[in-house]
Amino acid sequence: MKALCEPSRCRIVMLLSEGTYCVNALAYILGISASAVSQHLRILREAGIVYSEKLGYHTHYRLDKDRLLELANGIAGLTREKPDNCRKKGVGCEAAKTVGCKTERNPKAERNDNA
């Protein structure tokens, strides 16, 4: 995810989702230097998001769609409903004892849950 947080890398991923590109083509389209594109591609390659293949004199880059789908599924998993461990019936919040969680003492939070 860290590899995708930079806008130029996101643009590279969007372009590669449409097909393969070499460094010079990406540099031209993005309006940045070929060396900057190479650095971005290195980070994306290390993250497993893109891979390269040699075609003649040029190296072309492709999006690893399986890896990107894996990441997307992982992110989607964060949105699935999970039990609220702080508010189980009959169980106190452990964080209240250790780090000062105010969940048990927050009437506003309780009102929101009952709404």
N, C-alpha and C. Protein backbone atom coordinates (compact mmCIF):
# COMPACT_ATOMS: atom_id res chain seq x y z
N MET A 1 0.83 -1.19 0.00
CA MET A 1 0.00 0.00 0.00
C MET A 1 0.87 1.25 0.00
N LYS A 2 1.99 1.17 0.68
CA LYS A 2 2.89 2.33 0.72
C LYS A 2 3.37 2.69 -0.69
N ALA A 3 3.58 1.67 -1.51
CA ALA A 3 4.05 1.92 -2.88
C ALA A 3 3.01 2.68 -3.70
N LEU A 4 1.75 2.54 -3.36
CA LEU A 4 0.69 3.18 -4.14
C LEU A 4 0.29 4.56 -3.63
N CYS A 5 0.90 5.01 -2.54
CA CYS A 5 0.47 6.29 -1.96
C CYS A 5 1.05 7.50 -2.67
N GLU A 6 1.95 7.32 -3.60
CA GLU A 6 2.55 8.44 -4.33
C GLU A 6 1.77 8.64 -5.63
N PRO A 7 1.33 9.87 -5.92
CA PRO A 7 0.48 10.11 -7.09
C PRO A 7 1.06 9.63 -8.43
N SER A 8 2.36 9.82 -8.65
CA SER A 8 2.95 9.37 -9.92
C SER A 8 2.88 7.85 -10.05
N ARG A 9 3.09 7.15 -8.96
CA ARG A 9 3.00 5.68 -9.01
C ARG A 9 1.57 5.24 -9.27
N CYS A 10 0.61 5.94 -8.70
CA CYS A 10 -0.80 5.61 -8.98
C CYS A 10 -1.10 5.81 -10.46
N ARG A 11 -0.59 6.88 -11.03
CA ARG A 11 -0.80 7.14 -12.46
C ARG A 11 -0.14 6.06 -13.31
N ILE A 12 1.04 5.62 -12.90
CA ILE A 12 1.73 4.54 -13.63
C ILE A 12 0.89 3.27 -13.57
N VAL A 13 0.36 2.95 -12.41
CA VAL A 13 -0.47 1.75 -12.27
C VAL A 13 -1.71 1.87 -13.15
N MET A 14 -2.32 3.04 -13.18
CA MET A 14 -3.51 3.24 -14.03
C MET A 14 -3.15 3.02 -15.51
N LEU A 15 -2.02 3.56 -15.93
CA LEU A 15 -1.59 3.37 -17.32
C LEU A 15 -1.31 1.90 -17.61
N LEU A 16 -0.62 1.24 -16.69
CA LEU A 16 -0.29 -0.17 -16.91
C LEU A 16 -1.52 -1.06 -16.85
N SER A 17 -2.61 -0.58 -16.27
CA SER A 17 -3.84 -1.38 -16.26
C SER A 17 -4.43 -1.47 -17.67
N GLU A 18 -3.99 -0.56 -18.55
CA GLU A 18 -4.46 -0.54 -19.93
C GLU A 18 -3.57 -1.34 -20.87
N GLY A 19 -2.34 -1.65 -20.45
CA GLY A 19 -1.42 -2.39 -21.31
C GLY A 19 0.01 -2.20 -20.87
N THR A 20 0.95 -2.69 -21.68
CA THR A 20 2.36 -2.59 -21.34
C THR A 20 2.96 -1.28 -21.85
N TYR A 21 3.95 -0.80 -21.13
CA TYR A 21 4.66 0.41 -21.52
C TYR A 21 6.13 0.26 -21.17
N CYS A 22 6.98 0.94 -21.94
CA CYS A 22 8.39 1.02 -21.59
C CYS A 22 8.59 2.31 -20.78
N VAL A 23 9.75 2.46 -20.18
CA VAL A 23 10.05 3.61 -19.34
C VAL A 23 9.88 4.92 -20.11
N ASN A 24 10.42 4.97 -21.33
CA ASN A 24 10.36 6.21 -22.11
C ASN A 24 8.93 6.62 -22.44
N ALA A 25 8.09 5.67 -22.77
CA ALA A 25 6.69 5.98 -23.07
C ALA A 25 5.98 6.51 -21.82
N LEU A 26 6.23 5.88 -20.69
CA LEU A 26 5.62 6.35 -19.45
C LEU A 26 6.11 7.75 -19.10
N ALA A 27 7.41 8.00 -19.28
CA ALA A 27 7.98 9.31 -18.99
C ALA A 27 7.33 10.38 -19.86
N TYR A 28 7.16 10.07 -21.14
CA TYR A 28 6.55 11.02 -22.07
C TYR A 28 5.11 11.34 -21.66
N ILE A 29 4.34 10.30 -21.39
CA ILE A 29 2.93 10.48 -21.03
C ILE A 29 2.79 11.24 -19.71
N LEU A 30 3.62 10.90 -18.74
CA LEU A 30 3.52 11.52 -17.41
C LEU A 30 4.20 12.89 -17.33
N GLY A 31 5.05 13.20 -18.30
CA GLY A 31 5.75 14.47 -18.28
C GLY A 31 6.82 14.56 -17.21
N ILE A 32 7.43 13.42 -16.89
CA ILE A 32 8.52 13.39 -15.91
C ILE A 32 9.71 12.67 -16.55
N SER A 33 10.86 12.75 -15.93
CA SER A 33 12.06 12.15 -16.51
C SER A 33 11.99 10.62 -16.48
N ALA A 34 12.72 10.02 -17.41
CA ALA A 34 12.80 8.56 -17.47
C ALA A 34 13.41 8.00 -16.20
N SER A 35 14.38 8.72 -15.62
CA SER A 35 14.99 8.22 -14.38
C SER A 35 13.99 8.25 -13.22
N ALA A 36 13.11 9.25 -13.19
CA ALA A 36 12.07 9.30 -12.15
C ALA A 36 11.10 8.13 -12.33
N VAL A 37 10.72 7.86 -13.58
CA VAL A 37 9.83 6.73 -13.86
C VAL A 37 10.51 5.42 -13.44
N SER A 38 11.79 5.28 -13.73
CA SER A 38 12.52 4.07 -13.35
C SER A 38 12.51 3.87 -11.85
N GLN A 39 12.68 4.95 -11.10
CA GLN A 39 12.65 4.84 -9.63
C GLN A 39 11.27 4.42 -9.14
N HIS A 40 10.23 4.99 -9.71
CA HIS A 40 8.86 4.61 -9.34
C HIS A 40 8.61 3.14 -9.68
N LEU A 41 9.05 2.73 -10.87
CA LEU A 41 8.85 1.34 -11.28
C LEU A 41 9.62 0.38 -10.38
N ARG A 42 10.80 0.78 -9.92
CA ARG A 42 11.58 -0.07 -9.02
C ARG A 42 10.79 -0.32 -7.73
N ILE A 43 10.18 0.73 -7.19
CA ILE A 43 9.39 0.59 -5.97
C ILE A 43 8.16 -0.28 -6.21
N LEU A 44 7.50 -0.08 -7.33
CA LEU A 44 6.33 -0.89 -7.67
C LEU A 44 6.72 -2.34 -7.90
N ARG A 45 7.89 -2.56 -8.51
CA ARG A 45 8.38 -3.92 -8.75
C ARG A 45 8.71 -4.61 -7.43
N GLU A 46 9.38 -3.90 -6.53
CA GLU A 46 9.71 -4.46 -5.22
C GLU A 46 8.46 -4.80 -4.41
N ALA A 47 7.40 -4.05 -4.63
CA ALA A 47 6.13 -4.32 -3.95
C ALA A 47 5.35 -5.44 -4.62
N GLY A 48 5.83 -5.90 -5.78
CA GLY A 48 5.16 -6.98 -6.49
C GLY A 48 3.97 -6.54 -7.30
N ILE A 49 3.85 -5.24 -7.54
CA ILE A 49 2.69 -4.72 -8.26
C ILE A 49 2.90 -4.73 -9.76
N VAL A 50 4.15 -4.57 -10.20
CA VAL A 50 4.47 -4.64 -11.62
C VAL A 50 5.61 -5.63 -11.83
N TYR A 51 5.74 -6.09 -13.03
CA TYR A 51 6.89 -6.91 -13.41
C TYR A 51 7.34 -6.48 -14.80
N SER A 52 8.56 -6.84 -15.12
CA SER A 52 9.12 -6.39 -16.39
C SER A 52 9.45 -7.57 -17.28
N GLU A 53 9.50 -7.28 -18.57
CA GLU A 53 9.96 -8.28 -19.53
C GLU A 53 10.71 -7.56 -20.64
N LYS A 54 11.77 -8.18 -21.06
CA LYS A 54 12.62 -7.61 -22.10
C LYS A 54 12.00 -7.93 -23.46
N LEU A 55 11.78 -6.88 -24.24
CA LEU A 55 11.27 -7.03 -25.61
C LEU A 55 12.22 -6.28 -26.53
N GLY A 56 13.11 -7.01 -27.18
CA GLY A 56 14.13 -6.37 -28.01
C GLY A 56 15.09 -5.59 -27.15
N TYR A 57 15.30 -4.33 -27.49
CA TYR A 57 16.22 -3.48 -26.73
C TYR A 57 15.57 -2.85 -25.50
N HIS A 58 14.27 -2.93 -25.41
CA HIS A 58 13.55 -2.22 -24.36
C HIS A 58 12.95 -3.18 -23.34
N THR A 59 12.82 -2.67 -22.13
CA THR A 59 12.13 -3.40 -21.08
C THR A 59 10.73 -2.82 -20.97
N HIS A 60 9.76 -3.69 -21.05
CA HIS A 60 8.37 -3.27 -20.92
C HIS A 60 7.84 -3.72 -19.58
N TYR A 61 6.93 -2.93 -19.04
CA TYR A 61 6.38 -3.21 -17.72
C TYR A 61 4.91 -3.55 -17.83
N ARG A 62 4.53 -4.51 -16.99
CA ARG A 62 3.13 -4.95 -16.93
C ARG A 62 2.67 -4.90 -15.49
N LEU A 63 1.38 -4.72 -15.35
CA LEU A 63 0.76 -4.74 -14.04
C LEU A 63 0.54 -6.19 -13.64
N ASP A 64 0.90 -6.54 -12.42
CA ASP A 64 0.61 -7.88 -11.91
C ASP A 64 -0.80 -7.83 -11.34
N LYS A 65 -1.77 -8.12 -12.19
CA LYS A 65 -3.18 -7.96 -11.81
C LYS A 65 -3.58 -8.90 -10.69
N ASP A 66 -2.97 -10.09 -10.63
CA ASP A 66 -3.28 -11.01 -9.53
C ASP A 66 -2.86 -10.42 -8.19
N ARG A 67 -1.66 -9.83 -8.15
CA ARG A 67 -1.17 -9.22 -6.91
C ARG A 67 -2.03 -8.02 -6.53
N LEU A 68 -2.43 -7.22 -7.51
CA LEU A 68 -3.26 -6.06 -7.24
C LEU A 68 -4.64 -6.50 -6.72
N LEU A 69 -5.17 -7.57 -7.28
CA LEU A 69 -6.44 -8.12 -6.81
C LEU A 69 -6.32 -8.62 -5.38
N GLU A 70 -5.19 -9.24 -5.05
CA GLU A 70 -4.92 -9.67 -3.68
C GLU A 70 -4.97 -8.49 -2.72
N LEU A 71 -4.31 -7.40 -3.10
CA LEU A 71 -4.31 -6.19 -2.28
C LEU A 71 -5.72 -5.63 -2.13
N ALA A 72 -6.46 -5.60 -3.22
CA ALA A 72 -7.83 -5.07 -3.18
C ALA A 72 -8.71 -5.91 -2.26
N ASN A 73 -8.56 -7.23 -2.32
CA ASN A 73 -9.34 -8.10 -1.44
C ASN A 73 -8.96 -7.89 0.02
N GLY A 74 -7.68 -7.66 0.27
CA GLY A 74 -7.24 -7.38 1.63
C GLY A 74 -7.84 -6.09 2.17
N ILE A 75 -7.89 -5.08 1.33
CA ILE A 75 -8.48 -3.80 1.73
C ILE A 75 -9.98 -3.98 1.94
N ALA A 76 -10.64 -4.70 1.04
CA ALA A 76 -12.08 -4.93 1.18
C ALA A 76 -12.38 -5.68 2.48
N GLY A 77 -11.48 -6.57 2.88
CA GLY A 77 -11.67 -7.32 4.13
C GLY A 77 -11.70 -6.41 5.35
N LEU A 78 -11.06 -5.27 5.26
CA LEU A 78 -11.06 -4.33 6.39
C LEU A 78 -12.44 -3.72 6.62
N THR A 79 -13.28 -3.75 5.59
CA THR A 79 -14.60 -3.12 5.70
C THR A 79 -15.69 -4.09 6.17
N ARG A 80 -15.37 -5.36 6.26
CA ARG A 80 -16.37 -6.34 6.70
C ARG A 80 -16.68 -6.15 8.19
N GLU A 81 -17.92 -6.40 8.55
CA GLU A 81 -18.35 -6.28 9.95
C GLU A 81 -17.58 -7.26 10.81
N LYS A 82 -17.13 -6.75 11.95
CA LYS A 82 -16.41 -7.57 12.91
C LYS A 82 -17.00 -7.29 14.28
N PRO A 83 -16.85 -8.22 15.21
CA PRO A 83 -17.40 -7.98 16.55
C PRO A 83 -16.69 -6.82 17.23
N ASP A 84 -17.43 -6.09 18.03
CA ASP A 84 -16.86 -4.98 18.80
C ASP A 84 -16.35 -5.54 20.11
N ASN A 85 -15.07 -5.77 20.19
CA ASN A 85 -14.47 -6.40 21.37
C ASN A 85 -14.56 -5.53 22.61
N CYS A 86 -14.74 -4.25 22.44
CA CYS A 86 -14.83 -3.36 23.59
C CYS A 86 -16.22 -3.38 24.23
N ARG A 87 -17.20 -3.87 23.52
CA ARG A 87 -18.57 -3.75 24.03
C ARG A 87 -19.32 -5.06 24.11
N LYS A 88 -18.61 -6.15 24.24
CA LYS A 88 -19.29 -7.43 24.40
C LYS A 88 -20.03 -7.43 25.74
N LYS A 89 -21.19 -8.02 25.77
CA LYS A 89 -21.98 -8.09 27.00
C LYS A 89 -21.19 -8.82 28.08
N GLY A 90 -21.09 -8.18 29.22
CA GLY A 90 -20.43 -8.81 30.36
C GLY A 90 -18.92 -8.79 30.33
N VAL A 91 -18.34 -8.16 29.30
CA VAL A 91 -16.89 -8.10 29.21
C VAL A 91 -16.47 -6.64 29.22
N GLY A 92 -15.60 -6.29 30.14
CA GLY A 92 -15.10 -4.92 30.21
C GLY A 92 -14.04 -4.69 29.15
N CYS A 93 -13.83 -3.46 28.82
CA CYS A 93 -12.82 -3.10 27.85
C CYS A 93 -11.45 -3.20 28.49
N GLU A 94 -10.60 -4.08 27.96
CA GLU A 94 -9.25 -4.25 28.51
C GLU A 94 -8.42 -2.98 28.35
N ALA A 95 -8.65 -2.24 27.27
CA ALA A 95 -7.89 -1.02 27.03
C ALA A 95 -8.19 0.03 28.10
N ALA A 96 -9.40 -0.01 28.68
CA ALA A 96 -9.75 0.95 29.71
C ALA A 96 -8.80 0.83 30.89
N LYS A 97 -8.34 -0.38 31.15
CA LYS A 97 -7.44 -0.61 32.28
C LYS A 97 -6.00 -0.29 31.92
N THR A 98 -5.61 -0.49 30.66
CA THR A 98 -4.20 -0.35 30.29
C THR A 98 -3.84 0.98 29.65
N VAL A 99 -4.64 1.48 28.74
CA VAL A 99 -4.28 2.72 28.04
C VAL A 99 -5.31 3.83 28.21
N GLY A 100 -6.29 3.61 29.04
CA GLY A 100 -7.24 4.67 29.32
C GLY A 100 -8.34 4.83 28.30
N CYS A 101 -8.78 3.73 27.71
CA CYS A 101 -9.90 3.79 26.76
C CYS A 101 -11.12 4.35 27.47
N LYS A 102 -11.79 5.29 26.84
CA LYS A 102 -12.93 5.94 27.47
C LYS A 102 -14.26 5.39 26.95
N THR A 103 -14.22 4.29 26.23
CA THR A 103 -15.44 3.73 25.64
C THR A 103 -16.50 3.46 26.69
N GLU A 104 -16.08 2.85 27.81
CA GLU A 104 -17.06 2.48 28.83
C GLU A 104 -17.68 3.70 29.51
N ARG A 105 -16.98 4.82 29.49
CA ARG A 105 -17.44 6.00 30.19
C ARG A 105 -17.93 7.08 29.25
N ASN A 106 -18.18 6.76 27.97
CA ASN A 106 -18.55 7.77 26.99
C ASN A 106 -20.04 7.64 26.66
N PRO A 107 -20.91 8.40 27.34
CA PRO A 107 -22.35 8.28 27.09
C PRO A 107 -22.74 8.65 25.66
N LYS A 108 -21.98 9.57 25.03
CA LYS A 108 -22.29 9.95 23.66
C LYS A 108 -22.11 8.76 22.73
N ALA A 109 -21.02 7.98 22.91
CA ALA A 109 -20.79 6.78 22.09
C ALA A 109 -21.91 5.78 22.31
N GLU A 110 -22.38 5.66 23.56
CA GLU A 110 -23.47 4.72 23.83
C GLU A 110 -24.75 5.15 23.15
N ARG A 111 -25.03 6.46 23.13
CA ARG A 111 -26.21 6.96 22.43
C ARG A 111 -26.16 6.63 20.95
N ASN A 112 -24.99 6.77 20.34
CA ASN A 112 -24.84 6.49 18.91
C ASN A 112 -25.09 5.03 18.62
N ASP A 113 -24.70 4.14 19.53
CA ASP A 113 -24.93 2.72 19.32
C ASP A 113 -26.42 2.37 19.41
N ASN A 114 -27.15 3.08 20.23
CA ASN A 114 -28.57 2.77 20.42
C ASN A 114 -29.44 3.42 19.36
N ALA A 115 -28.89 4.30 18.57
CA ALA A 115 -29.67 5.02 17.55
C ALA A 115 -30.00 4.14 16.38
